[in-house]
Amino acid sequence: MSIIHKIREKIARQEYEFTIPHFFEEMANDNLVFADIEMAIAHGRIRRKFTRDPRGIVTRLLDLQQMEEKLQLFVGLKVQENYY
């Protein structure tokens, strides 16, 4: 299963958590709502993988379709799994 599909699966199962308070501060600074985040995850694409991050695989998603400005989300998978 690809990384993007695994991330979407975890979102659907509500197996995620936010970096508090950083996540909410960034949303407020950028005038985003949860629908924007959901749209980026549902329709975004992986632009870069950070495979050497000591916290595990970190992926940057970029939604180009729904936002006037580019929305960047950094999504980390807690358990490092072999996706390659």
PDB file of N, CA and C in Angstrom:
ATOM      1  N   MET A   1       0.847  -1.169   0.000  1.00  0.00           N
ATOM      2  CA  MET A   1       0.000   0.000   0.000  1.00  0.00           C
ATOM      3  C   MET A   1       0.893   1.232   0.000  1.00  0.00           C
ATOM      4  N   SER A   2       0.546   2.234  -0.805  1.00  0.00           N
ATOM      5  CA  SER A   2       1.356   3.453  -0.884  1.00  0.00           C
ATOM      6  C   SER A   2       1.211   4.274   0.394  1.00  0.00           C
ATOM      7  N   ILE A   3       2.143   5.178   0.585  1.00  0.00           N
ATOM      8  CA  ILE A   3       2.125   6.017   1.786  1.00  0.00           C
ATOM      9  C   ILE A   3       0.858   6.855   1.840  1.00  0.00           C
ATOM     10  N   ILE A   4       0.486   7.481   0.730  1.00  0.00           N
ATOM     11  CA  ILE A   4      -0.694   8.341   0.734  1.00  0.00           C
ATOM     12  C   ILE A   4      -1.948   7.548   1.088  1.00  0.00           C
ATOM     13  N   HIS A   5      -2.041   6.323   0.597  1.00  0.00           N
ATOM     14  CA  HIS A   5      -3.205   5.489   0.927  1.00  0.00           C
ATOM     15  C   HIS A   5      -3.196   5.097   2.399  1.00  0.00           C
ATOM     16  N   LYS A   6      -2.022   4.829   2.937  1.00  0.00           N
ATOM     17  CA  LYS A   6      -1.908   4.487   4.357  1.00  0.00           C
ATOM     18  C   LYS A   6      -2.316   5.678   5.230  1.00  0.00           C
ATOM     19  N   ILE A   7      -1.888   6.883   4.858  1.00  0.00           N
ATOM     20  CA  ILE A   7      -2.266   8.083   5.604  1.00  0.00           C
ATOM     21  C   ILE A   7      -3.775   8.268   5.549  1.00  0.00           C
ATOM     22  N   ARG A   8      -4.350   8.146   4.359  1.00  0.00           N
ATOM     23  CA  ARG A   8      -5.800   8.308   4.211  1.00  0.00           C
ATOM     24  C   ARG A   8      -6.561   7.255   5.012  1.00  0.00           C
ATOM     25  N   GLU A   9      -6.035   6.049   5.055  1.00  0.00           N
ATOM     26  CA  GLU A   9      -6.660   4.975   5.838  1.00  0.00           C
ATOM     27  C   GLU A   9      -6.641   5.319   7.331  1.00  0.00           C
ATOM     28  N   LYS A  10      -5.513   5.816   7.805  1.00  0.00           N
ATOM     29  CA  LYS A  10      -5.423   6.193   9.223  1.00  0.00           C
ATOM     30  C   LYS A  10      -6.365   7.340   9.558  1.00  0.00           C
ATOM     31  N   ILE A  11      -6.519   8.283   8.655  1.00  0.00           N
ATOM     32  CA  ILE A  11      -7.465   9.380   8.865  1.00  0.00           C
ATOM     33  C   ILE A  11      -8.885   8.827   8.935  1.00  0.00           C
ATOM     34  N   ALA A  12      -9.236   7.955   8.020  1.00  0.00           N
ATOM     35  CA  ALA A  12     -10.589   7.376   8.003  1.00  0.00           C
ATOM     36  C   ALA A  12     -10.882   6.608   9.289  1.00  0.00           C
ATOM     37  N   ARG A  13      -9.871   5.960   9.846  1.00  0.00           N
ATOM     38  CA  ARG A  13     -10.031   5.183  11.084  1.00  0.00           C
ATOM     39  C   ARG A  13      -9.839   6.047  12.345  1.00  0.00           C
ATOM     40  N   GLN A  14      -9.587   7.321  12.131  1.00  0.00           N
ATOM     41  CA  GLN A  14      -9.317   8.270  13.218  1.00  0.00           C
ATOM     42  C   GLN A  14      -8.121   7.840  14.066  1.00  0.00           C
ATOM     43  N   GLU A  15      -7.111   7.321  13.403  1.00  0.00           N
ATOM     44  CA  GLU A  15      -5.870   6.911  14.048  1.00  0.00           C
ATOM     45  C   GLU A  15      -4.808   7.986  13.824  1.00  0.00           C
ATOM     46  N   TYR A  16      -5.076   9.162  14.338  1.00  0.00           N
ATOM     47  CA  TYR A  16      -4.145  10.265  14.171  1.00  0.00           C
ATOM     48  C   TYR A  16      -4.230  11.190  15.375  1.00  0.00           C
ATOM     49  N   GLU A  17      -3.246  12.048  15.482  1.00  0.00           N
ATOM     50  CA  GLU A  17      -3.259  13.078  16.523  1.00  0.00           C
ATOM     51  C   GLU A  17      -2.542  14.300  15.977  1.00  0.00           C
ATOM     52  N   PHE A  18      -2.809  15.440  16.582  1.00  0.00           N
ATOM     53  CA  PHE A  18      -2.219  16.695  16.153  1.00  0.00           C
ATOM     54  C   PHE A  18      -1.098  17.088  17.099  1.00  0.00           C
ATOM     55  N   THR A  19      -0.154  17.871  16.583  1.00  0.00           N
ATOM     56  CA  THR A  19       0.875  18.467  17.416  1.00  0.00           C
ATOM     57  C   THR A  19       0.245  19.689  18.074  1.00  0.00           C
ATOM     58  N   ILE A  20      -0.022  19.568  19.354  1.00  0.00           N
ATOM     59  CA  ILE A  20      -0.720  20.635  20.080  1.00  0.00           C
ATOM     60  C   ILE A  20       0.314  21.444  20.850  1.00  0.00           C
ATOM     61  N   PRO A  21       0.276  22.735  20.851  1.00  0.00           N
ATOM     62  CA  PRO A  21      -0.696  23.614  20.198  1.00  0.00           C
ATOM     63  C   PRO A  21      -0.283  24.040  18.794  1.00  0.00           C
ATOM     64  N   HIS A  22       0.864  23.570  18.316  1.00  0.00           N
ATOM     65  CA  HIS A  22       1.426  24.034  17.051  1.00  0.00           C
ATOM     66  C   HIS A  22       0.435  23.915  15.886  1.00  0.00           C
ATOM     67  N   PHE A  23      -0.210  22.775  15.763  1.00  0.00           N
ATOM     68  CA  PHE A  23      -1.133  22.541  14.654  1.00  0.00           C
ATOM     69  C   PHE A  23      -2.238  23.597  14.631  1.00  0.00           C
ATOM     70  N   PHE A  24      -2.841  23.838  15.781  1.00  0.00           N
ATOM     71  CA  PHE A  24      -3.954  24.778  15.852  1.00  0.00           C
ATOM     72  C   PHE A  24      -3.488  26.222  15.664  1.00  0.00           C
ATOM     73  N   GLU A  25      -2.297  26.543  16.138  1.00  0.00           N
ATOM     74  CA  GLU A  25      -1.743  27.879  15.916  1.00  0.00           C
ATOM     75  C   GLU A  25      -1.523  28.129  14.432  1.00  0.00           C
ATOM     76  N   GLU A  26      -0.969  27.128  13.735  1.00  0.00           N
ATOM     77  CA  GLU A  26      -0.727  27.269  12.295  1.00  0.00           C
ATOM     78  C   GLU A  26      -2.037  27.375  11.522  1.00  0.00           C
ATOM     79  N   MET A  27      -3.031  26.592  11.906  1.00  0.00           N
ATOM     80  CA  MET A  27      -4.338  26.699  11.251  1.00  0.00           C
ATOM     81  C   MET A  27      -4.905  28.106  11.418  1.00  0.00           C
ATOM     82  N   ALA A  28      -4.841  28.639  12.629  1.00  0.00           N
ATOM     83  CA  ALA A  28      -5.378  29.977  12.898  1.00  0.00           C
ATOM     84  C   ALA A  28      -4.594  31.039  12.123  1.00  0.00           C
ATOM     85  N   ASN A  29      -3.272  30.921  12.091  1.00  0.00           N
ATOM     86  CA  ASN A  29      -2.437  31.887  11.366  1.00  0.00           C
ATOM     87  C   ASN A  29      -2.747  31.900   9.872  1.00  0.00           C
ATOM     88  N   ASP A  30      -3.119  30.737   9.340  1.00  0.00           N
ATOM     89  CA  ASP A  30      -3.382  30.611   7.907  1.00  0.00           C
ATOM     90  C   ASP A  30      -4.870  30.664   7.567  1.00  0.00           C
ATOM     91  N   ASN A  31      -5.705  30.956   8.569  1.00  0.00           N
ATOM     92  CA  ASN A  31      -7.157  31.011   8.366  1.00  0.00           C
ATOM     93  C   ASN A  31      -7.710  29.732   7.737  1.00  0.00           C
ATOM     94  N   LEU A  32      -7.272  28.597   8.246  1.00  0.00           N
ATOM     95  CA  LEU A  32      -7.730  27.305   7.750  1.00  0.00           C
ATOM     96  C   LEU A  32      -8.764  26.705   8.686  1.00  0.00           C
ATOM     97  N   VAL A  33      -9.588  25.844   8.131  1.00  0.00           N
ATOM     98  CA  VAL A  33     -10.543  25.061   8.912  1.00  0.00           C
ATOM     99  C   VAL A  33     -10.248  23.592   8.633  1.00  0.00           C
ATOM    100  N   PHE A  34     -10.851  22.709   9.416  1.00  0.00           N
ATOM    101  CA  PHE A  34     -10.577  21.282   9.249  1.00  0.00           C
ATOM    102  C   PHE A  34     -10.924  20.784   7.847  1.00  0.00           C
ATOM    103  N   ALA A  35     -11.923  21.380   7.224  1.00  0.00           N
ATOM    104  CA  ALA A  35     -12.282  20.966   5.864  1.00  0.00           C
ATOM    105  C   ALA A  35     -11.115  21.171   4.895  1.00  0.00           C
ATOM    106  N   ASP A  36     -10.328  22.215   5.102  1.00  0.00           N
ATOM    107  CA  ASP A  36      -9.150  22.458   4.258  1.00  0.00           C
ATOM    108  C   ASP A  36      -8.123  21.345   4.438  1.00  0.00           C
ATOM    109  N   ILE A  37      -7.922  20.933   5.674  1.00  0.00           N
ATOM    110  CA  ILE A  37      -6.966  19.868   5.980  1.00  0.00           C
ATOM    111  C   ILE A  37      -7.446  18.552   5.379  1.00  0.00           C
ATOM    112  N   GLU A  38      -8.724  18.258   5.569  1.00  0.00           N
ATOM    113  CA  GLU A  38      -9.295  17.026   5.014  1.00  0.00           C
ATOM    114  C   GLU A  38      -9.179  16.998   3.496  1.00  0.00           C
ATOM    115  N   MET A  39      -9.431  18.138   2.856  1.00  0.00           N
ATOM    116  CA  MET A  39      -9.345  18.215   1.402  1.00  0.00           C
ATOM    117  C   MET A  39      -7.911  17.968   0.931  1.00  0.00           C
ATOM    118  N   ALA A  40      -6.947  18.539   1.634  1.00  0.00           N
ATOM    119  CA  ALA A  40      -5.546  18.352   1.265  1.00  0.00           C
ATOM    120  C   ALA A  40      -5.144  16.890   1.375  1.00  0.00           C
ATOM    121  N   ILE A  41      -5.608  16.224   2.417  1.00  0.00           N
ATOM    122  CA  ILE A  41      -5.265  14.815   2.595  1.00  0.00           C
ATOM    123  C   ILE A  41      -5.999  13.945   1.576  1.00  0.00           C
ATOM    124  N   ALA A  42      -7.254  14.252   1.337  1.00  0.00           N
ATOM    125  CA  ALA A  42      -8.054  13.445   0.410  1.00  0.00           C
ATOM    126  C   ALA A  42      -7.605  13.593  -1.042  1.00  0.00           C
ATOM    127  N   HIS A  43      -7.187  14.815  -1.423  1.00  0.00           N
ATOM    128  CA  HIS A  43      -6.903  15.074  -2.832  1.00  0.00           C
ATOM    129  C   HIS A  43      -5.480  15.525  -3.105  1.00  0.00           C
ATOM    130  N   GLY A  44      -4.692  15.692  -2.045  1.00  0.00           N
ATOM    131  CA  GLY A  44      -3.320  16.147  -2.229  1.00  0.00           C
ATOM    132  C   GLY A  44      -2.431  15.027  -2.748  1.00  0.00           C
ATOM    133  N   ARG A  45      -1.218  15.388  -3.000  1.00  0.00           N
ATOM    134  CA  ARG A  45      -0.254  14.384  -3.451  1.00  0.00           C
ATOM    135  C   ARG A  45       1.046  14.585  -2.697  1.00  0.00           C
ATOM    136  N   ILE A  46       1.795  13.544  -2.591  1.00  0.00           N
ATOM    137  CA  ILE A  46       3.068  13.602  -1.882  1.00  0.00           C
ATOM    138  C   ILE A  46       4.088  14.288  -2.772  1.00  0.00           C
ATOM    139  N   ARG A  47       4.694  15.323  -2.235  1.00  0.00           N
ATOM    140  CA  ARG A  47       5.700  16.071  -2.972  1.00  0.00           C
ATOM    141  C   ARG A  47       7.108  15.687  -2.562  1.00  0.00           C
ATOM    142  N   ARG A  48       7.269  15.269  -1.326  1.00  0.00           N
ATOM    143  CA  ARG A  48       8.604  14.924  -0.834  1.00  0.00           C
ATOM    144  C   ARG A  48       8.474  13.997   0.354  1.00  0.00           C
ATOM    145  N   LYS A  49       9.381  13.048   0.446  1.00  0.00           N
ATOM    146  CA  LYS A  49       9.430  12.136   1.590  1.00  0.00           C
ATOM    147  C   LYS A  49      10.705  12.409   2.364  1.00  0.00           C
ATOM    148  N   PHE A  50      10.580  12.508   3.666  1.00  0.00           N
ATOM    149  CA  PHE A  50      11.726  12.706   4.536  1.00  0.00           C
ATOM    150  C   PHE A  50      11.980  11.384   5.255  1.00  0.00           C
ATOM    151  N   THR A  51      12.732  10.513   4.639  1.00  0.00           N
ATOM    152  CA  THR A  51      12.891   9.156   5.158  1.00  0.00           C
ATOM    153  C   THR A  51      13.969   9.037   6.219  1.00  0.00           C
ATOM    154  N   ARG A  52      14.774  10.050   6.418  1.00  0.00           N
ATOM    155  CA  ARG A  52      15.851   9.969   7.411  1.00  0.00           C
ATOM    156  C   ARG A  52      15.524  10.733   8.686  1.00  0.00           C
ATOM    157  N   ASP A  53      14.299  11.162   8.829  1.00  0.00           N
ATOM    158  CA  ASP A  53      13.884  11.880  10.030  1.00  0.00           C
ATOM    159  C   ASP A  53      13.907  10.909  11.200  1.00  0.00           C
ATOM    160  N   PRO A  54      14.560  11.259  12.319  1.00  0.00           N
ATOM    161  CA  PRO A  54      14.655  10.327  13.454  1.00  0.00           C
ATOM    162  C   PRO A  54      13.311   9.992  14.085  1.00  0.00           C
ATOM    163  N   ARG A  55      12.278  10.784  13.791  1.00  0.00           N
ATOM    164  CA  ARG A  55      10.940  10.511  14.345  1.00  0.00           C
ATOM    165  C   ARG A  55      10.180   9.498  13.511  1.00  0.00           C
ATOM    166  N   GLY A  56      10.722   9.080  12.391  1.00  0.00           N
ATOM    167  CA  GLY A  56      10.035   8.143  11.506  1.00  0.00           C
ATOM    168  C   GLY A  56       9.821   8.785  10.151  1.00  0.00           C
ATOM    169  N   ILE A  57       9.042   8.149   9.328  1.00  0.00           N
ATOM    170  CA  ILE A  57       8.767   8.672   7.999  1.00  0.00           C
ATOM    171  C   ILE A  57       7.902   9.917   8.138  1.00  0.00           C
ATOM    172  N   VAL A  58       8.343  11.000   7.534  1.00  0.00           N
ATOM    173  CA  VAL A  58       7.570  12.237   7.518  1.00  0.00           C
ATOM    174  C   VAL A  58       7.316  12.578   6.061  1.00  0.00           C
ATOM    175  N   THR A  59       6.093  12.866   5.745  1.00  0.00           N
ATOM    176  CA  THR A  59       5.703  13.108   4.374  1.00  0.00           C
ATOM    177  C   THR A  59       5.081  14.485   4.248  1.00  0.00           C
ATOM    178  N   ARG A  60       5.412  15.191   3.215  1.00  0.00           N
ATOM    179  CA  ARG A  60       4.781  16.486   2.975  1.00  0.00           C
ATOM    180  C   ARG A  60       3.723  16.313   1.890  1.00  0.00           C
ATOM    181  N   LEU A  61       2.495  16.686   2.215  1.00  0.00           N
ATOM    182  CA  LEU A  61       1.407  16.650   1.251  1.00  0.00           C
ATOM    183  C   LEU A  61       1.163  18.058   0.743  1.00  0.00           C
ATOM    184  N   LEU A  62       0.831  18.176  -0.502  1.00  0.00           N
ATOM    185  CA  LEU A  62       0.585  19.479  -1.078  1.00  0.00           C
ATOM    186  C   LEU A  62      -0.699  19.435  -1.884  1.00  0.00           C
ATOM    187  N   ASP A  63      -1.665  20.260  -1.509  1.00  0.00           N
ATOM    188  CA  ASP A  63      -2.928  20.321  -2.230  1.00  0.00           C
ATOM    189  C   ASP A  63      -2.890  21.485  -3.201  1.00  0.00           C
ATOM    190  N   LEU A  64      -2.902  21.192  -4.463  1.00  0.00           N
ATOM    191  CA  LEU A  64      -2.829  22.231  -5.472  1.00  0.00           C
ATOM    192  C   LEU A  64      -4.195  22.570  -6.048  1.00  0.00           C
ATOM    193  N   GLN A  65      -5.213  21.783  -5.764  1.00  0.00           N
ATOM    194  CA  GLN A  65      -6.488  21.904  -6.444  1.00  0.00           C
ATOM    195  C   GLN A  65      -7.478  22.836  -5.764  1.00  0.00           C
ATOM    196  N   GLN A  66      -7.501  22.883  -4.449  1.00  0.00           N
ATOM    197  CA  GLN A  66      -8.565  23.565  -3.739  1.00  0.00           C
ATOM    198  C   GLN A  66      -8.167  24.900  -3.113  1.00  0.00           C
ATOM    199  N   MET A  67      -6.907  25.191  -3.080  1.00  0.00           N
ATOM    200  CA  MET A  67      -6.460  26.374  -2.356  1.00  0.00           C
ATOM    201  C   MET A  67      -5.880  27.402  -3.327  1.00  0.00           C
ATOM    202  N   GLU A  68      -6.162  28.693  -3.079  1.00  0.00           N
ATOM    203  CA  GLU A  68      -5.530  29.741  -3.874  1.00  0.00           C
ATOM    204  C   GLU A  68      -4.039  29.752  -3.605  1.00  0.00           C
ATOM    205  N   GLU A  69      -3.684  29.590  -2.341  1.00  0.00           N
ATOM    206  CA  GLU A  69      -2.283  29.473  -1.976  1.00  0.00           C
ATOM    207  C   GLU A  69      -1.993  28.004  -1.703  1.00  0.00           C
ATOM    208  N   LYS A  70      -0.790  27.602  -1.905  1.00  0.00           N
ATOM    209  CA  LYS A  70      -0.433  26.211  -1.684  1.00  0.00           C
ATOM    210  C   LYS A  70      -0.483  25.876  -0.196  1.00  0.00           C
ATOM    211  N   LEU A  71      -1.120  24.787   0.114  1.00  0.00           N
ATOM    212  CA  LEU A  71      -1.241  24.322   1.495  1.00  0.00           C
ATOM    213  C   LEU A  71      -0.265  23.176   1.690  1.00  0.00           C
ATOM    214  N   GLN A  72       0.620  23.310   2.653  1.00  0.00           N
ATOM    215  CA  GLN A  72       1.578  22.259   2.948  1.00  0.00           C
ATOM    216  C   GLN A  72       1.237  21.647   4.293  1.00  0.00           C
ATOM    217  N   LEU A  73       1.105  20.345   4.298  1.00  0.00           N
ATOM    218  CA  LEU A  73       0.897  19.601   5.536  1.00  0.00           C
ATOM    219  C   LEU A  73       2.071  18.663   5.713  1.00  0.00           C
ATOM    220  N   PHE A  74       2.573  18.606   6.905  1.00  0.00           N
ATOM    221  CA  PHE A  74       3.611  17.641   7.207  1.00  0.00           C
ATOM    222  C   PHE A  74       2.969  16.552   8.041  1.00  0.00           C
ATOM    223  N   VAL A  75       2.984  15.354   7.512  1.00  0.00           N
ATOM    224  CA  VAL A  75       2.319  14.225   8.146  1.00  0.00           C
ATOM    225  C   VAL A  75       3.373  13.195   8.511  1.00  0.00           C
ATOM    226  N   GLY A  76       3.405  12.802   9.748  1.00  0.00           N
ATOM    227  CA  GLY A  76       4.354  11.793  10.195  1.00  0.00           C
ATOM    228  C   GLY A  76       3.632  10.515  10.558  1.00  0.00           C
ATOM    229  N   LEU A  77       4.202   9.399  10.166  1.00  0.00           N
ATOM    230  CA  LEU A  77       3.675   8.097  10.556  1.00  0.00           C
ATOM    231  C   LEU A  77       4.435   7.649  11.791  1.00  0.00           C
ATOM    232  N   LYS A  78       3.717   7.366  12.870  1.00  0.00           N
ATOM    233  CA  LYS A  78       4.370   7.014  14.135  1.00  0.00           C
ATOM    234  C   LYS A  78       5.177   5.731  14.048  1.00  0.00           C
ATOM    235  N   VAL A  79       4.616   4.734  13.475  1.00  0.00           N
ATOM    236  CA  VAL A  79       5.289   3.447  13.368  1.00  0.00           C
ATOM    237  C   VAL A  79       5.903   3.375  11.976  1.00  0.00           C
ATOM    238  N   GLN A  80       7.203   3.237  11.961  1.00  0.00           N
ATOM    239  CA  GLN A  80       7.862   3.164  10.671  1.00  0.00           C
ATOM    240  C   GLN A  80       7.589   1.807  10.047  1.00  0.00           C
ATOM    241  N   GLU A  81       7.009   1.869   8.867  1.00  0.00           N
ATOM    242  CA  GLU A  81       6.677   0.653   8.143  1.00  0.00           C
ATOM    243  C   GLU A  81       7.396   0.695   6.800  1.00  0.00           C
ATOM    244  N   ASN A  82       7.574  -0.422   6.190  1.00  0.00           N
ATOM    245  CA  ASN A  82       8.265  -0.499   4.911  1.00  0.00           C
ATOM    246  C   ASN A  82       7.276  -0.257   3.784  1.00  0.00           C
ATOM    247  N   TYR A  83       7.380   0.926   3.147  1.00  0.00           N
ATOM    248  CA  TYR A  83       6.491   1.275   2.047  1.00  0.00           C
ATOM    249  C   TYR A  83       7.187   1.238   0.704  1.00  0.00           C
ATOM    250  N   TYR A  84       8.460   0.926   0.685  1.00  0.00           N
ATOM    251  CA  TYR A  84       9.210   1.056  -0.546  1.00  0.00           C
ATOM    252  C   TYR A  84       9.490  -0.305  -1.140  1.00  0.00           C
TER     253      TYR A  84
END
